[in-house]
Amino acid sequence: MDRDQAVGLVGLYNANHVSGYCYMYALSAPELAGTGATLHGVAQLLDYAFETFRLRKIYMETTETSLSSYASAVRVGLLTEEGRLANHEWNGRSYDDMVFLSISCEAWAKMRQRFSLS
């Protein structure tokens, strides 16, 4: 992978500052899906979001079919499954569960050093 190559896009949306949470999205270049290439970008955004906005929790949502795209983040303990909506999302063939993943500010504080953030 070229050092100047874009590996993906990460961002935040639907912030609720009263309750202290928001949602995050992470998209990787198709050829890098599931490789963990976007993990550093996710880590930087988590650091920024928890520090700047004083959030207590950040959620990501995906379908059961797409859950494998988050496998590297789940494998390293960055995200944990928090809940599911059964048979919620139509995928063109059948209904998929909607899966909610999360990380709390406290959990991030304990693991942020694994990502070499200063």
Protein backbone atom coordinates (compact mmCIF):
# COMPACT_ATOMS: atom_id res chain seq x y z
CA MET A 1 0.00 0.00 0.00
CA ASP A 2 1.32 3.44 -0.99
CA ARG A 3 1.81 5.74 2.03
CA ASP A 4 -0.12 8.51 0.25
CA GLN A 5 -2.99 6.21 -0.76
CA ALA A 6 -6.42 6.90 0.75
CA VAL A 7 -7.56 3.83 2.65
CA GLY A 8 -11.03 4.99 3.63
CA LEU A 9 -13.25 7.59 5.19
CA VAL A 10 -14.38 7.99 8.81
CA GLY A 11 -16.80 10.46 10.35
CA LEU A 12 -19.33 11.21 13.08
CA TYR A 13 -23.07 11.89 12.85
CA ASN A 14 -26.26 12.18 14.95
CA ALA A 15 -24.51 13.62 18.00
CA ASN A 16 -26.61 13.90 21.14
CA HIS A 17 -24.63 16.19 23.43
CA VAL A 18 -27.20 16.02 26.24
CA SER A 19 -26.90 12.24 26.52
CA GLY A 20 -23.25 12.18 25.43
CA TYR A 21 -23.21 9.90 22.42
CA CYS A 22 -22.94 9.91 18.65
CA TYR A 23 -22.57 7.49 15.76
CA MET A 24 -19.46 6.85 13.72
CA TYR A 25 -19.04 5.49 10.22
CA ALA A 26 -15.94 3.91 8.72
CA LEU A 27 -15.66 3.06 5.05
CA SER A 28 -12.60 1.41 3.59
CA ALA A 29 -11.44 1.19 0.02
CA PRO A 30 -13.03 -1.98 -1.40
CA GLU A 31 -9.69 -3.71 -1.91
CA LEU A 32 -8.80 -3.10 1.76
CA ALA A 33 -12.10 -4.18 3.34
CA GLY A 34 -11.60 -6.34 6.42
CA THR A 35 -7.83 -5.75 6.58
CA GLY A 36 -7.88 -3.23 9.43
CA ALA A 37 -6.38 -0.54 7.19
CA THR A 38 -8.85 2.08 8.48
CA LEU A 39 -8.24 1.28 12.17
CA HIS A 40 -5.72 4.10 12.61
CA GLY A 41 -8.19 6.63 11.20
CA VAL A 42 -10.92 5.28 13.46
CA ALA A 43 -8.56 5.54 16.44
CA GLN A 44 -7.68 9.15 15.63
CA LEU A 45 -11.35 10.09 15.30
CA LEU A 46 -12.24 8.34 18.57
CA ASP A 47 -9.48 10.27 20.32
CA TYR A 48 -10.72 13.55 18.85
CA ALA A 49 -14.40 12.84 19.56
CA PHE A 50 -13.97 11.79 23.18
CA GLU A 51 -11.58 14.65 23.97
CA THR A 52 -13.23 17.48 22.05
CA PHE A 53 -16.93 16.69 22.46
CA ARG A 54 -16.74 14.98 25.86
CA LEU A 55 -18.85 12.07 24.65
CA ARG A 56 -19.39 9.05 26.87
CA LYS A 57 -20.09 6.54 24.09
CA ILE A 58 -19.80 6.15 20.32
CA TYR A 59 -21.91 3.72 18.32
CA MET A 60 -21.52 2.09 14.93
CA GLU A 61 -24.31 0.20 13.23
CA THR A 62 -24.17 -2.42 10.51
CA THR A 63 -26.15 -5.33 9.18
CA GLU A 64 -25.35 -8.94 10.02
CA THR A 65 -24.23 -9.45 6.41
CA SER A 66 -21.72 -6.57 6.70
CA LEU A 67 -20.53 -7.36 10.21
CA SER A 68 -17.39 -9.00 8.85
CA SER A 69 -16.24 -5.53 7.71
CA TYR A 70 -15.82 -4.65 11.39
CA ALA A 71 -14.10 -7.93 12.30
CA SER A 72 -10.67 -6.35 12.84
CA ALA A 73 -12.10 -3.69 15.19
CA VAL A 74 -14.03 -6.33 17.16
CA ARG A 75 -11.03 -8.71 17.19
CA VAL A 76 -8.73 -6.13 18.80
CA GLY A 77 -11.42 -5.14 21.32
CA LEU A 78 -12.03 -1.71 19.84
CA LEU A 79 -15.75 -2.35 19.37
CA THR A 80 -18.16 -4.61 21.21
CA GLU A 81 -21.58 -5.74 20.12
CA GLU A 82 -24.18 -3.97 22.21
CA GLY A 83 -27.45 -5.03 20.64
CA ARG A 84 -29.45 -6.21 17.64
CA LEU A 85 -32.71 -5.48 15.90
CA ALA A 86 -33.81 -8.84 14.52
CA ASN A 87 -34.83 -9.08 10.85
CA HIS A 88 -34.65 -5.32 10.54
CA GLU A 89 -32.99 -4.43 7.22
CA TRP A 90 -33.90 -5.79 3.77
CA ASN A 91 -30.77 -6.80 1.84
CA GLY A 92 -32.42 -7.66 -1.47
CA ARG A 93 -32.90 -11.34 -0.64
CA SER A 94 -33.98 -11.50 2.99
CA TYR A 95 -34.14 -9.45 6.18
CA ASP A 96 -30.88 -8.92 8.05
CA ASP A 97 -30.35 -8.15 11.72
CA MET A 98 -29.17 -4.60 12.41
CA VAL A 99 -26.16 -4.87 14.75
CA PHE A 100 -25.11 -2.05 17.09
CA LEU A 101 -21.45 -1.85 18.11
CA SER A 102 -20.04 0.60 20.63
CA ILE A 103 -17.07 1.86 22.55
CA SER A 104 -17.24 3.90 25.75
CA CYS A 105 -14.94 6.72 26.71
CA GLU A 106 -13.61 4.62 29.59
CA ALA A 107 -12.87 1.64 27.35
CA TRP A 108 -11.12 3.90 24.83
CA ALA A 109 -8.96 5.47 27.56
CA LYS A 110 -7.73 1.98 28.51
CA MET A 111 -6.85 0.90 24.99
CA ARG A 112 -5.84 4.03 23.06
CA GLN A 113 -2.11 3.38 23.60
CA ARG A 114 -2.40 0.26 21.41
CA PHE A 115 -2.83 2.62 18.45
CA SER A 116 0.35 4.69 19.05
CA LEU A 117 -1.54 7.94 19.59
CA SER A 118 0.30 10.58 21.56
